[in-house]
PDB file of N, CA and C in Angstrom:
ATOM      1  N   UNK A   1      11.555 -41.027-108.462  1.00  0.00           N
ATOM      2  CA  UNK A   1      11.067 -42.180-107.744  1.00  0.00           C
ATOM      3  C   UNK A   1      10.433 -43.146-108.734  1.00  0.00           C
ATOM      4  N   UNK A   2      10.761 -44.402-108.604  1.00  0.00           N
ATOM      5  CA  UNK A   2      10.115 -45.443-109.396  1.00  0.00           C
ATOM      6  C   UNK A   2       8.984 -46.027-108.573  1.00  0.00           C
ATOM      7  N   UNK A   3       7.867 -46.308-109.250  1.00  0.00           N
ATOM      8  CA  UNK A   3       6.702 -46.875-108.574  1.00  0.00           C
ATOM      9  C   UNK A   3       6.512 -48.321-108.995  1.00  0.00           C
ATOM     10  N   UNK A   4       5.981 -49.103-108.074  1.00  0.00           N
ATOM     11  CA  UNK A   4       5.635 -50.492-108.367  1.00  0.00           C
ATOM     12  C   UNK A   4       4.136 -50.635-108.138  1.00  0.00           C
ATOM     13  N   UNK A   5       3.448 -51.230-109.099  1.00  0.00           N
ATOM     14  CA  UNK A   5       2.011 -51.447-109.023  1.00  0.00           C
ATOM     15  C   UNK A   5       1.760 -52.913-108.728  1.00  0.00           C
ATOM     16  N   UNK A   6       1.023 -53.192-107.649  1.00  0.00           N
ATOM     17  CA  UNK A   6       0.628 -54.564-107.314  1.00  0.00           C
ATOM     18  C   UNK A   6      -0.862 -54.691-107.585  1.00  0.00           C
ATOM     19  N   UNK A   7      -1.229 -55.606-108.467  1.00  0.00           N
ATOM     20  CA  UNK A   7      -2.631 -55.831-108.809  1.00  0.00           C
ATOM     21  C   UNK A   7      -2.851 -57.323-109.015  1.00  0.00           C
ATOM     22  N   UNK A   8      -3.807 -57.887-108.273  1.00  0.00           N
ATOM     23  CA  UNK A   8      -4.067 -59.327-108.376  1.00  0.00           C
ATOM     24  C   UNK A   8      -5.437 -59.631-108.974  1.00  0.00           C
ATOM     25  N   UNK A   9      -6.065 -58.635-109.586  1.00  0.00           N
ATOM     26  CA  UNK A   9      -7.389 -58.824-110.166  1.00  0.00           C
ATOM     27  C   UNK A   9      -8.500 -58.283-109.291  1.00  0.00           C
ATOM     28  N   UNK A  10      -8.205 -58.011-108.030  1.00  0.00           N
ATOM     29  CA  UNK A  10      -9.180 -57.454-107.108  1.00  0.00           C
ATOM     30  C   UNK A  10      -8.817 -55.992-106.855  1.00  0.00           C
ATOM     31  N   UNK A  11      -9.639 -55.029-107.303  1.00  0.00           N
ATOM     32  CA  UNK A  11      -9.304 -53.623-107.121  1.00  0.00           C
ATOM     33  C   UNK A  11      -9.044 -53.219-105.667  1.00  0.00           C
ATOM     34  N   UNK A  12      -9.694 -53.885-104.718  1.00  0.00           N
ATOM     35  CA  UNK A  12      -9.503 -53.538-103.310  1.00  0.00           C
ATOM     36  C   UNK A  12      -8.109 -53.902-102.801  1.00  0.00           C
ATOM     37  N   UNK A  13      -7.445 -54.835-103.465  1.00  0.00           N
ATOM     38  CA  UNK A  13      -6.103 -55.248-103.047  1.00  0.00           C
ATOM     39  C   UNK A  13      -4.986 -54.489-103.768  1.00  0.00           C
ATOM     40  N   UNK A  14      -5.341 -53.620-104.709  1.00  0.00           N
ATOM     41  CA  UNK A  14      -4.335 -52.897-105.489  1.00  0.00           C
ATOM     42  C   UNK A  14      -3.497 -52.002-104.588  1.00  0.00           C
ATOM     43  N   UNK A  15      -2.183 -52.020-104.818  1.00  0.00           N
ATOM     44  CA  UNK A  15      -1.264 -51.190-104.032  1.00  0.00           C
ATOM     45  C   UNK A  15      -0.272 -50.517-104.964  1.00  0.00           C
ATOM     46  N   UNK A  16       0.063 -49.276-104.659  1.00  0.00           N
ATOM     47  CA  UNK A  16       1.131 -48.545-105.339  1.00  0.00           C
ATOM     48  C   UNK A  16       2.231 -48.357-104.307  1.00  0.00           C
ATOM     49  N   UNK A  17       3.448 -48.803-104.654  1.00  0.00           N
ATOM     50  CA  UNK A  17       4.550 -48.765-103.697  1.00  0.00           C
ATOM     51  C   UNK A  17       5.772 -48.086-104.302  1.00  0.00           C
ATOM     52  N   UNK A  18       6.614 -47.548-103.437  1.00  0.00           N
ATOM     53  CA  UNK A  18       7.922 -47.064-103.841  1.00  0.00           C
ATOM     54  C   UNK A  18       8.735 -48.302-104.207  1.00  0.00           C
ATOM     55  N   UNK A  19       9.201 -48.388-105.453  1.00  0.00           N
ATOM     56  CA  UNK A  19       9.892 -49.591-105.928  1.00  0.00           C
ATOM     57  C   UNK A  19      11.199 -49.843-105.184  1.00  0.00           C
ATOM     58  N   UNK A  20      11.835 -48.784-104.695  1.00  0.00           N
ATOM     59  CA  UNK A  20      13.127 -48.942-104.026  1.00  0.00           C
ATOM     60  C   UNK A  20      12.996 -49.349-102.559  1.00  0.00           C
ATOM     61  N   UNK A  21      11.951 -48.834-101.877  1.00  0.00           N
ATOM     62  CA  UNK A  21      11.819 -49.096-100.443  1.00  0.00           C
ATOM     63  C   UNK A  21      10.707 -50.073-100.100  1.00  0.00           C
ATOM     64  N   UNK A  22       9.741 -50.273-101.014  1.00  0.00           N
ATOM     65  CA  UNK A  22       8.600 -51.130-100.734  1.00  0.00           C
ATOM     66  C   UNK A  22       7.527 -50.458 -99.908  1.00  0.00           C
ATOM     67  N   UNK A  23       7.725 -49.167 -99.559  1.00  0.00           N
ATOM     68  CA  UNK A  23       6.732 -48.446 -98.768  1.00  0.00           C
ATOM     69  C   UNK A  23       5.527 -48.089 -99.634  1.00  0.00           C
ATOM     70  N   UNK A  24       4.317 -48.190 -99.080  1.00  0.00           N
ATOM     71  CA  UNK A  24       3.126 -47.835 -99.853  1.00  0.00           C
ATOM     72  C   UNK A  24       3.059 -46.326-100.099  1.00  0.00           C
ATOM     73  N   UNK A  25       2.495 -45.936-101.236  1.00  0.00           N
ATOM     74  CA  UNK A  25       2.260 -44.538-101.561  1.00  0.00           C
ATOM     75  C   UNK A  25       0.805 -44.260-101.207  1.00  0.00           C
ATOM     76  N   UNK A  26       0.587 -43.396-100.225  1.00  0.00           N
ATOM     77  CA  UNK A  26      -0.767 -43.087 -99.770  1.00  0.00           C
ATOM     78  C   UNK A  26      -1.412 -42.040-100.667  1.00  0.00           C
ATOM     79  N   UNK A  27      -2.727 -42.051-100.721  1.00  0.00           N
ATOM     80  CA  UNK A  27      -3.482 -41.032-101.432  1.00  0.00           C
ATOM     81  C   UNK A  27      -3.705 -41.302-102.900  1.00  0.00           C
ATOM     82  N   UNK A  28      -3.312 -42.470-103.407  1.00  0.00           N
ATOM     83  CA  UNK A  28      -3.528 -42.790-104.818  1.00  0.00           C
ATOM     84  C   UNK A  28      -5.001 -43.124-105.014  1.00  0.00           C
ATOM     85  N   UNK A  29      -5.655 -42.388-105.922  1.00  0.00           N
ATOM     86  CA  UNK A  29      -7.073 -42.638-106.190  1.00  0.00           C
ATOM     87  C   UNK A  29      -7.288 -43.408-107.482  1.00  0.00           C
ATOM     88  N   UNK A  30      -6.351 -43.300-108.432  1.00  0.00           N
ATOM     89  CA  UNK A  30      -6.469 -44.071-109.670  1.00  0.00           C
ATOM     90  C   UNK A  30      -5.132 -44.113-110.398  1.00  0.00           C
ATOM     91  N   UNK A  31      -4.992 -45.135-111.240  1.00  0.00           N
ATOM     92  CA  UNK A  31      -3.817 -45.296-112.092  1.00  0.00           C
ATOM     93  C   UNK A  31      -4.310 -45.713-113.476  1.00  0.00           C
ATOM     94  N   UNK A  32      -3.839 -45.026-114.501  1.00  0.00           N
ATOM     95  CA  UNK A  32      -4.174 -45.389-115.879  1.00  0.00           C
ATOM     96  C   UNK A  32      -2.872 -45.654-116.615  1.00  0.00           C
ATOM     97  N   UNK A  33      -2.808 -46.769-117.328  1.00  0.00           N
ATOM     98  CA  UNK A  33      -1.621 -47.122-118.096  1.00  0.00           C
ATOM     99  C   UNK A  33      -1.900 -46.973-119.580  1.00  0.00           C
ATOM    100  N   UNK A  34      -0.920 -46.401-120.280  1.00  0.00           N
ATOM    101  CA  UNK A  34      -0.982 -46.287-121.732  1.00  0.00           C
ATOM    102  C   UNK A  34       0.215 -47.030-122.297  1.00  0.00           C
ATOM    103  N   UNK A  35      -0.037 -48.061-123.077  1.00  0.00           N
ATOM    104  CA  UNK A  35       1.042 -48.878-123.643  1.00  0.00           C
ATOM    105  C   UNK A  35       0.946 -48.808-125.158  1.00  0.00           C
ATOM    106  N   UNK A  36       2.088 -48.520-125.787  1.00  0.00           N
ATOM    107  CA  UNK A  36       2.140 -48.541-127.238  1.00  0.00           C
ATOM    108  C   UNK A  36       3.455 -49.189-127.668  1.00  0.00           C
ATOM    109  N   UNK A  37       3.746 -49.143-128.942  1.00  0.00           N
ATOM    110  CA  UNK A  37       4.948 -49.797-129.460  1.00  0.00           C
ATOM    111  C   UNK A  37       6.241 -49.159-128.953  1.00  0.00           C
ATOM    112  N   UNK A  38       6.161 -47.944-128.421  1.00  0.00           N
ATOM    113  CA  UNK A  38       7.362 -47.215-127.998  1.00  0.00           C
ATOM    114  C   UNK A  38       7.586 -47.213-126.498  1.00  0.00           C
ATOM    115  N   UNK A  39       6.633 -47.721-125.724  1.00  0.00           N
ATOM    116  CA  UNK A  39       6.826 -47.747-124.276  1.00  0.00           C
ATOM    117  C   UNK A  39       5.521 -47.724-123.511  1.00  0.00           C
ATOM    118  N   UNK A  40       5.639 -47.390-122.250  1.00  0.00           N
ATOM    119  CA  UNK A  40       4.493 -47.387-121.338  1.00  0.00           C
ATOM    120  C   UNK A  40       4.511 -46.106-120.517  1.00  0.00           C
ATOM    121  N   UNK A  41       3.365 -45.470-120.382  1.00  0.00           N
ATOM    122  CA  UNK A  41       3.204 -44.280-119.546  1.00  0.00           C
ATOM    123  C   UNK A  41       2.120 -44.552-118.521  1.00  0.00           C
ATOM    124  N   UNK A  42       2.282 -43.979-117.341  1.00  0.00           N
ATOM    125  CA  UNK A  42       1.275 -44.113-116.296  1.00  0.00           C
ATOM    126  C   UNK A  42       0.796 -42.735-115.871  1.00  0.00           C
ATOM    127  N   UNK A  43      -0.503 -42.618-115.670  1.00  0.00           N
ATOM    128  CA  UNK A  43      -1.099 -41.409-115.126  1.00  0.00           C
ATOM    129  C   UNK A  43      -1.600 -41.779-113.735  1.00  0.00           C
ATOM    130  N   UNK A  44      -1.029 -41.156-112.713  1.00  0.00           N
ATOM    131  CA  UNK A  44      -1.363 -41.463-111.325  1.00  0.00           C
ATOM    132  C   UNK A  44      -2.096 -40.270-110.732  1.00  0.00           C
ATOM    133  N   UNK A  45      -3.301 -40.497-110.210  1.00  0.00           N
ATOM    134  CA  UNK A  45      -4.082 -39.451-109.555  1.00  0.00           C
ATOM    135  C   UNK A  45      -3.925 -39.597-108.050  1.00  0.00           C
ATOM    136  N   UNK A  46      -3.628 -38.484-107.388  1.00  0.00           N
ATOM    137  CA  UNK A  46      -3.407 -38.478-105.945  1.00  0.00           C
ATOM    138  C   UNK A  46      -4.350 -37.501-105.270  1.00  0.00           C
ATOM    139  N   UNK A  47      -4.674 -37.764-104.010  1.00  0.00           N
ATOM    140  CA  UNK A  47      -5.454 -36.815-103.212  1.00  0.00           C
ATOM    141  C   UNK A  47      -4.640 -36.446-101.980  1.00  0.00           C
ATOM    142  N   UNK A  48      -4.939 -35.289-101.419  1.00  0.00           N
ATOM    143  CA  UNK A  48      -4.290 -34.818-100.185  1.00  0.00           C
ATOM    144  C   UNK A  48      -2.771 -34.811-100.303  1.00  0.00           C
ATOM    145  N   UNK A  49      -2.253 -34.129-101.336  1.00  0.00           N
ATOM    146  CA  UNK A  49      -0.816 -34.061-101.506  1.00  0.00           C
ATOM    147  C   UNK A  49      -0.290 -32.695-101.067  1.00  0.00           C
ATOM    148  N   UNK A  50       0.980 -32.630-100.790  1.00  0.00           N
ATOM    149  CA  UNK A  50       1.636 -31.377-100.422  1.00  0.00           C
ATOM    150  C   UNK A  50       2.626 -31.035-101.520  1.00  0.00           C
ATOM    151  N   UNK A  51       2.553 -29.804-102.017  1.00  0.00           N
ATOM    152  CA  UNK A  51       3.426 -29.365-103.099  1.00  0.00           C
ATOM    153  C   UNK A  51       4.270 -28.198-102.617  1.00  0.00           C
ATOM    154  N   UNK A  52       5.563 -28.259-102.872  1.00  0.00           N
ATOM    155  CA  UNK A  52       6.472 -27.166-102.542  1.00  0.00           C
ATOM    156  C   UNK A  52       6.621 -26.292-103.780  1.00  0.00           C
ATOM    157  N   UNK A  53       5.849 -25.212-103.847  1.00  0.00           N
ATOM    158  CA  UNK A  53       5.825 -24.362-105.024  1.00  0.00           C
ATOM    159  C   UNK A  53       7.112 -23.562-105.163  1.00  0.00           C
ATOM    160  N   UNK A  54       7.801 -23.291-104.072  1.00  0.00           N
ATOM    161  CA  UNK A  54       9.031 -22.508-104.133  1.00  0.00           C
ATOM    162  C   UNK A  54      10.112 -23.185-104.962  1.00  0.00           C
ATOM    163  N   UNK A  55      10.075 -24.486-105.089  1.00  0.00           N
ATOM    164  CA  UNK A  55      11.121 -25.213-105.800  1.00  0.00           C
ATOM    165  C   UNK A  55      10.650 -25.752-107.142  1.00  0.00           C
ATOM    166  N   UNK A  56       9.510 -25.258-107.623  1.00  0.00           N
ATOM    167  CA  UNK A  56       9.003 -25.749-108.894  1.00  0.00           C
ATOM    168  C   UNK A  56       9.614 -24.966-110.050  1.00  0.00           C
ATOM    169  N   UNK A  57       9.617 -25.569-111.213  1.00  0.00           N
ATOM    170  CA  UNK A  57      10.121 -24.929-112.419  1.00  0.00           C
ATOM    171  C   UNK A  57       9.068 -25.054-113.502  1.00  0.00           C
ATOM    172  N   UNK A  58       9.075 -24.119-114.413  1.00  0.00           N
ATOM    173  CA  UNK A  58       8.132 -24.160-115.521  1.00  0.00           C
ATOM    174  C   UNK A  58       8.843 -23.725-116.794  1.00  0.00           C
ATOM    175  N   UNK A  59       8.344 -24.211-117.902  1.00  0.00           N
ATOM    176  CA  UNK A  59       8.865 -23.759-119.187  1.00  0.00           C
ATOM    177  C   UNK A  59       7.710 -23.211-120.007  1.00  0.00           C
ATOM    178  N   UNK A  60       8.013 -22.247-120.846  1.00  0.00           N
ATOM    179  CA  UNK A  60       6.992 -21.669-121.714  1.00  0.00           C
ATOM    180  C   UNK A  60       7.149 -22.263-123.114  1.00  0.00           C
ATOM    181  N   UNK A  61       6.042 -22.689-123.678  1.00  0.00           N
ATOM    182  CA  UNK A  61       6.059 -23.231-125.031  1.00  0.00           C
ATOM    183  C   UNK A  61       5.256 -22.280-125.898  1.00  0.00           C
ATOM    184  N   UNK A  62       5.903 -21.726-126.906  1.00  0.00           N
ATOM    185  CA  UNK A  62       5.237 -20.778-127.778  1.00  0.00           C
ATOM    186  C   UNK A  62       4.915 -21.441-129.104  1.00  0.00           C
ATOM    187  N   UNK A  63       3.736 -21.156-129.601  1.00  0.00           N
ATOM    188  CA  UNK A  63       3.283 -21.686-130.869  1.00  0.00           C
ATOM    189  C   UNK A  63       3.687 -20.728-131.980  1.00  0.00           C
ATOM    190  N   UNK A  64       4.492 -21.178-132.934  1.00  0.00           N
ATOM    191  CA  UNK A  64       4.965 -20.328-134.028  1.00  0.00           C
ATOM    192  C   UNK A  64       4.054 -20.369-135.248  1.00  0.00           C
ATOM    193  N   UNK A  65       2.850 -20.888-135.109  1.00  0.00           N
ATOM    194  CA  UNK A  65       1.910 -21.001-136.236  1.00  0.00           C
ATOM    195  C   UNK A  65       1.115 -19.715-136.390  1.00  0.00           C
ATOM    196  N   UNK A  66       1.701 -18.679-136.898  1.00  0.00           N
ATOM    197  CA  UNK A  66       0.982 -17.417-137.115  1.00  0.00           C
ATOM    198  C   UNK A  66       0.899 -17.036-138.549  1.00  0.00           C
TER     199      UNK A  66
END
């Protein structure tokens, strides 16, 4: 999902929306943007979310510095 951030300088008017449908994303408590020469990353904090753990995947990263 792509997100669209609407910000007009007033924090109370800030909205996070689904970029494809225009529907608001509920439960967003904060957004932090990190911009550097290689791109932009966003950290989005949500409250009251539902997670389907049965369909999650994980990878193990081992440190070879021994």
